[in-house]
């Protein structure tokens, strides 16, 4: 859906996956990597659809949650992917700040 530009449709699916995990305890969740991937996608959707400042705060919050969860479950590859997304957000924010000044 994201590839076709249907961001609202993709957001519905991502939030349904996140709601599934929200209503279950940590011991009931058998696939933490799916939750981390859903958080990454939610952050991507938020940063691509909203304004620069509000998107940054929300996306950083989602990505730090994903990073903590990935590190908790020893998902090193996903933790590295989240770190790259955080770095990309920081680079993009510095670029928009320098243009505004």
N, C-alpha and C. Protein backbone atom coordinates (compact mmCIF):
# COMPACT_ATOMS: atom_id res chain seq x y z
N UNK A 1 0.81 -1.18 0.00
CA UNK A 1 0.00 0.00 0.00
C UNK A 1 0.86 1.26 0.00
N UNK A 2 1.96 1.21 0.70
CA UNK A 2 2.83 2.38 0.75
C UNK A 2 3.42 2.65 -0.63
N UNK A 3 3.79 1.59 -1.34
CA UNK A 3 4.37 1.75 -2.67
C UNK A 3 3.38 2.39 -3.64
N UNK A 4 2.09 2.16 -3.42
CA UNK A 4 1.08 2.76 -4.28
C UNK A 4 0.68 4.15 -3.81
N UNK A 5 1.22 4.61 -2.69
CA UNK A 5 0.91 5.94 -2.18
C UNK A 5 -0.35 5.98 -1.33
N UNK A 6 -0.86 4.83 -0.95
CA UNK A 6 -2.05 4.77 -0.11
C UNK A 6 -1.64 4.78 1.36
N UNK A 7 -1.20 5.94 1.83
CA UNK A 7 -0.73 6.06 3.21
C UNK A 7 -1.83 5.85 4.24
N UNK A 8 -3.03 6.40 4.04
CA UNK A 8 -4.09 6.15 5.04
C UNK A 8 -4.45 4.67 5.14
N UNK A 9 -4.49 3.98 4.02
CA UNK A 9 -4.79 2.54 4.05
C UNK A 9 -3.70 1.76 4.76
N UNK A 10 -2.45 2.12 4.51
CA UNK A 10 -1.34 1.45 5.18
C UNK A 10 -1.36 1.73 6.68
N UNK A 11 -1.73 2.95 7.05
CA UNK A 11 -1.79 3.31 8.47
C UNK A 11 -2.84 2.49 9.20
N UNK A 12 -3.95 2.20 8.54
CA UNK A 12 -5.00 1.39 9.15
C UNK A 12 -4.46 0.00 9.48
N UNK A 13 -3.75 -0.60 8.54
CA UNK A 13 -3.20 -1.94 8.77
C UNK A 13 -2.11 -1.93 9.84
N UNK A 14 -1.27 -0.94 9.81
CA UNK A 14 -0.20 -0.86 10.81
C UNK A 14 -0.78 -0.69 12.20
N UNK A 15 -1.77 0.17 12.33
CA UNK A 15 -2.36 0.41 13.65
C UNK A 15 -3.16 -0.80 14.13
N UNK A 16 -3.71 -1.58 13.23
CA UNK A 16 -4.39 -2.81 13.67
C UNK A 16 -3.37 -3.82 14.21
N UNK A 17 -2.20 -3.89 13.60
CA UNK A 17 -1.14 -4.77 14.12
C UNK A 17 -0.66 -4.27 15.48
N UNK A 18 -0.46 -2.97 15.60
CA UNK A 18 -0.01 -2.41 16.88
C UNK A 18 -1.07 -2.56 17.97
N UNK A 19 -2.34 -2.44 17.61
CA UNK A 19 -3.42 -2.65 18.58
C UNK A 19 -3.45 -4.10 19.05
N UNK A 20 -3.18 -5.03 18.14
CA UNK A 20 -3.12 -6.44 18.51
C UNK A 20 -2.08 -6.64 19.63
N UNK A 21 -0.91 -6.05 19.45
CA UNK A 21 0.15 -6.20 20.46
C UNK A 21 -0.15 -5.41 21.73
N UNK A 22 -0.85 -4.31 21.60
CA UNK A 22 -1.16 -3.48 22.75
C UNK A 22 -2.09 -4.20 23.72
N UNK A 23 -2.97 -5.05 23.20
CA UNK A 23 -3.95 -5.74 24.04
C UNK A 23 -3.46 -7.08 24.56
N UNK A 24 -2.23 -7.39 24.32
CA UNK A 24 -1.67 -8.64 24.81
C UNK A 24 -0.48 -8.37 25.72
N UNK A 25 -0.25 -9.29 26.64
CA UNK A 25 0.90 -9.14 27.52
C UNK A 25 2.17 -9.50 26.77
N UNK A 26 3.29 -9.15 27.35
CA UNK A 26 4.59 -9.43 26.72
C UNK A 26 4.82 -10.92 26.53
N UNK A 27 4.31 -11.75 27.43
CA UNK A 27 4.51 -13.19 27.32
C UNK A 27 3.62 -13.82 26.24
N UNK A 28 2.49 -13.17 25.91
CA UNK A 28 1.60 -13.71 24.88
C UNK A 28 2.10 -13.39 23.47
N UNK A 29 2.94 -12.40 23.33
CA UNK A 29 3.41 -11.98 22.00
C UNK A 29 4.52 -12.92 21.56
N UNK A 30 4.24 -13.68 20.52
CA UNK A 30 5.20 -14.68 20.07
C UNK A 30 6.15 -14.15 18.99
N UNK A 31 5.87 -12.96 18.47
CA UNK A 31 6.71 -12.45 17.38
C UNK A 31 7.07 -10.97 17.63
N UNK A 32 8.06 -10.72 18.47
CA UNK A 32 8.42 -9.33 18.73
C UNK A 32 8.98 -8.61 17.50
N UNK A 33 9.54 -9.37 16.55
CA UNK A 33 10.08 -8.72 15.36
C UNK A 33 8.96 -8.09 14.53
N UNK A 34 7.78 -8.69 14.54
CA UNK A 34 6.64 -8.10 13.82
C UNK A 34 6.24 -6.77 14.44
N UNK A 35 6.27 -6.71 15.77
CA UNK A 35 5.94 -5.46 16.46
C UNK A 35 6.97 -4.38 16.14
N UNK A 36 8.24 -4.74 16.13
CA UNK A 36 9.29 -3.78 15.80
C UNK A 36 9.13 -3.27 14.37
N UNK A 37 8.86 -4.17 13.45
CA UNK A 37 8.66 -3.77 12.05
C UNK A 37 7.44 -2.87 11.89
N UNK A 38 6.37 -3.17 12.63
CA UNK A 38 5.18 -2.33 12.58
C UNK A 38 5.47 -0.94 13.13
N UNK A 39 6.26 -0.86 14.18
CA UNK A 39 6.64 0.44 14.73
C UNK A 39 7.48 1.24 13.74
N UNK A 40 8.38 0.56 13.05
CA UNK A 40 9.20 1.23 12.04
C UNK A 40 8.32 1.79 10.92
N UNK A 41 7.39 0.98 10.45
CA UNK A 41 6.51 1.43 9.38
C UNK A 41 5.60 2.56 9.84
N UNK A 42 5.11 2.49 11.07
CA UNK A 42 4.28 3.57 11.60
C UNK A 42 5.08 4.87 11.67
N UNK A 43 6.35 4.79 12.05
CA UNK A 43 7.20 5.98 12.09
C UNK A 43 7.43 6.53 10.69
N UNK A 44 7.64 5.65 9.72
CA UNK A 44 7.82 6.10 8.34
C UNK A 44 6.57 6.79 7.83
N UNK A 45 5.41 6.21 8.11
CA UNK A 45 4.16 6.81 7.66
C UNK A 45 3.94 8.17 8.33
N UNK A 46 4.24 8.24 9.61
CA UNK A 46 4.05 9.50 10.32
C UNK A 46 4.98 10.58 9.82
N UNK A 47 6.22 10.23 9.53
CA UNK A 47 7.16 11.25 9.07
C UNK A 47 6.90 11.67 7.63
N UNK A 48 6.24 10.82 6.85
CA UNK A 48 5.98 11.19 5.46
C UNK A 48 4.66 11.92 5.28
N UNK A 49 3.75 11.82 6.25
CA UNK A 49 2.42 12.39 6.07
C UNK A 49 2.19 13.69 6.85
N UNK A 50 2.92 13.92 7.90
CA UNK A 50 2.64 15.07 8.76
C UNK A 50 3.64 16.19 8.49
N UNK A 51 3.44 17.28 9.22
CA UNK A 51 4.38 18.39 9.10
C UNK A 51 5.71 18.02 9.73
N UNK A 52 6.73 18.78 9.44
CA UNK A 52 8.10 18.40 9.82
C UNK A 52 8.28 18.28 11.33
N UNK A 53 7.80 19.23 12.10
CA UNK A 53 8.07 19.19 13.53
C UNK A 53 7.24 18.15 14.25
N UNK A 54 5.95 18.05 13.94
CA UNK A 54 5.12 17.06 14.64
C UNK A 54 5.50 15.65 14.22
N UNK A 55 5.88 15.47 12.98
CA UNK A 55 6.27 14.14 12.51
C UNK A 55 7.54 13.69 13.20
N UNK A 56 8.46 14.60 13.39
CA UNK A 56 9.73 14.23 14.02
C UNK A 56 9.51 13.72 15.43
N UNK A 57 8.72 14.44 16.21
CA UNK A 57 8.51 14.04 17.60
C UNK A 57 7.81 12.70 17.68
N UNK A 58 6.77 12.51 16.90
CA UNK A 58 6.05 11.24 16.94
C UNK A 58 6.87 10.09 16.40
N UNK A 59 7.58 10.33 15.30
CA UNK A 59 8.39 9.27 14.70
C UNK A 59 9.55 8.90 15.62
N UNK A 60 10.17 9.87 16.25
CA UNK A 60 11.27 9.56 17.17
C UNK A 60 10.76 8.74 18.35
N UNK A 61 9.58 9.06 18.85
CA UNK A 61 9.00 8.28 19.94
C UNK A 61 8.76 6.83 19.53
N UNK A 62 8.19 6.65 18.34
CA UNK A 62 7.94 5.29 17.85
C UNK A 62 9.25 4.53 17.62
N UNK A 63 10.23 5.22 17.07
CA UNK A 63 11.50 4.56 16.77
C UNK A 63 12.28 4.21 18.03
N UNK A 64 12.23 5.06 19.05
CA UNK A 64 12.94 4.71 20.29
C UNK A 64 12.26 3.54 20.98
N UNK A 65 10.94 3.44 20.88
CA UNK A 65 10.23 2.27 21.41
C UNK A 65 10.65 1.02 20.64
N UNK A 66 10.73 1.14 19.33
CA UNK A 66 11.16 0.00 18.51
C UNK A 66 12.59 -0.41 18.83
N UNK A 67 13.46 0.57 19.04
CA UNK A 67 14.85 0.28 19.37
C UNK A 67 14.96 -0.45 20.71
N UNK A 68 14.23 0.02 21.70
CA UNK A 68 14.26 -0.63 23.01
C UNK A 68 13.74 -2.05 22.94
N UNK A 69 12.67 -2.25 22.18
CA UNK A 69 12.10 -3.58 22.04
C UNK A 69 13.04 -4.51 21.28
N UNK A 70 13.67 -4.01 20.24
CA UNK A 70 14.61 -4.83 19.47
C UNK A 70 15.81 -5.22 20.32
N UNK A 71 16.31 -4.30 21.12
CA UNK A 71 17.45 -4.62 21.98
C UNK A 71 17.05 -5.57 23.10
N UNK A 72 15.84 -5.44 23.60
CA UNK A 72 15.35 -6.33 24.66
C UNK A 72 15.30 -7.78 24.19
N UNK A 73 14.91 -7.97 22.93
CA UNK A 73 14.77 -9.33 22.38
C UNK A 73 15.97 -9.76 21.54
N UNK A 74 17.06 -9.02 21.62
CA UNK A 74 18.30 -9.36 20.92
C UNK A 74 18.12 -9.45 19.41
N UNK A 75 17.33 -8.53 18.86
CA UNK A 75 17.11 -8.46 17.43
C UNK A 75 18.07 -7.43 16.86
N UNK A 76 19.33 -7.84 16.69
CA UNK A 76 20.39 -6.91 16.33
C UNK A 76 20.18 -6.26 14.96
N UNK A 77 19.72 -7.03 14.00
CA UNK A 77 19.50 -6.49 12.66
C UNK A 77 18.42 -5.40 12.70
N UNK A 78 17.31 -5.69 13.37
CA UNK A 78 16.24 -4.69 13.45
C UNK A 78 16.67 -3.48 14.28
N UNK A 79 17.48 -3.70 15.30
CA UNK A 79 17.98 -2.57 16.08
C UNK A 79 18.85 -1.67 15.21
N UNK A 80 19.64 -2.27 14.33
CA UNK A 80 20.46 -1.48 13.41
C UNK A 80 19.60 -0.72 12.41
N UNK A 81 18.54 -1.35 11.92
CA UNK A 81 17.62 -0.68 11.00
C UNK A 81 16.96 0.52 11.68
N UNK A 82 16.53 0.34 12.92
CA UNK A 82 15.91 1.43 13.67
C UNK A 82 16.92 2.56 13.88
N UNK A 83 18.16 2.22 14.19
CA UNK A 83 19.18 3.24 14.38
C UNK A 83 19.40 4.04 13.09
N UNK A 84 19.35 3.36 11.95
CA UNK A 84 19.48 4.06 10.67
C UNK A 84 18.29 4.98 10.42
N UNK A 85 17.10 4.56 10.78
CA UNK A 85 15.92 5.43 10.63
C UNK A 85 16.02 6.65 11.53
N UNK A 86 16.52 6.46 12.75
CA UNK A 86 16.71 7.59 13.65
C UNK A 86 17.74 8.57 13.09
N UNK A 87 18.82 8.03 12.56
CA UNK A 87 19.85 8.89 11.97
C UNK A 87 19.30 9.65 10.77
N UNK A 88 18.50 8.98 9.95
CA UNK A 88 17.91 9.64 8.79
C UNK A 88 16.98 10.77 9.22
N UNK A 89 16.20 10.55 10.27
CA UNK A 89 15.33 11.61 10.78
C UNK A 89 16.15 12.81 11.25
N UNK A 90 17.25 12.55 11.93
CA UNK A 90 18.10 13.63 12.41
C UNK A 90 18.71 14.41 11.25
N UNK A 91 19.15 13.71 10.23
CA UNK A 91 19.72 14.38 9.05
C UNK A 91 18.66 15.22 8.36
N UNK A 92 17.46 14.67 8.21
CA UNK A 92 16.38 15.41 7.56
C UNK A 92 15.97 16.63 8.37
N UNK A 93 15.94 16.49 9.70
CA UNK A 93 15.58 17.64 10.54
C UNK A 93 16.64 18.73 10.49
N UNK A 94 17.90 18.37 10.45
CA UNK A 94 18.95 19.38 10.34
C UNK A 94 18.86 20.10 9.01
N UNK A 95 18.49 19.38 7.96
CA UNK A 95 18.35 19.99 6.64
C UNK A 95 17.20 20.99 6.60
N UNK A 96 16.08 20.65 7.26
CA UNK A 96 14.94 21.58 7.25
C UNK A 96 15.21 22.77 8.15
N UNK A 97 15.95 22.58 9.21
CA UNK A 97 16.26 23.71 10.09
C UNK A 97 17.20 24.70 9.42
N UNK A 98 18.18 24.18 8.67
CA UNK A 98 19.11 25.09 8.04
C UNK A 98 18.45 25.88 6.90
N UNK A 99 17.43 25.29 6.27
CA UNK A 99 16.71 26.00 5.23
C UNK A 99 15.85 27.11 5.83
N UNK A 100 15.23 26.85 7.00
CA UNK A 100 14.37 27.83 7.64
C UNK A 100 15.17 29.04 8.15
N UNK A 101 16.40 28.81 8.56
CA UNK A 101 17.19 29.91 9.13
C UNK A 101 17.69 30.77 8.04
